[in-house]
Amino acid sequence: MSWEQHEAWATGRLLSTAARLVENTWNARLRDDGVTHAGVVVLATLMAGPADQRVLARAQHVTEQTMGRTLAHLEQTGHITRDADPADRRRRVAQLTDRGRGLVASLSDRGERLTDDILRTAGQDSAALRAGLIALISALAGPGSDAQD
């Protein structure tokens, strides 16, 4: 598809397509680590401490069902464990394993470089785009927001 065809697209379509393509690029580069971009985001969130599926879903602005699939994959690959919450046995709390912590540590610098490489390839100013995205997310996912996937 040529650039001229993309110019006719609505801005929302451009934004969602760009996000999907960046995530696909991340996923291709993370394949050897056994995780997806969504999984890395969850692992990074769990660095702050254990959390249940509902809390993680809200933090990532996705449905609990989507988060459940991500957590199941991370548990299967040994990056997290999920155990019953002692305060409420019906609730399962996810926490990082040593393998999960190690992956987050190894990706801390590599992840930003990967994103910068993707944006540089597209001729984008990473800092300016980042500032714009932060403003957009803050406006859309502020207090009282129902933003999900």
Foldseek 3Di string as FASTA:
>chain_A
DDPVVVVPDDPVVVVVVVVVVLQVLQQVVCVVVQAGPLLLVLLVVQVVHKDFLVVSQLVVQADSVVSVVRVVSCVVSQQWDWAADPVGRVTIIIHGDPSNVVVNVVCVVVVVVSVVVVQVVVVHDPVVVVVVVVVVCCVQSPPPHNRHD
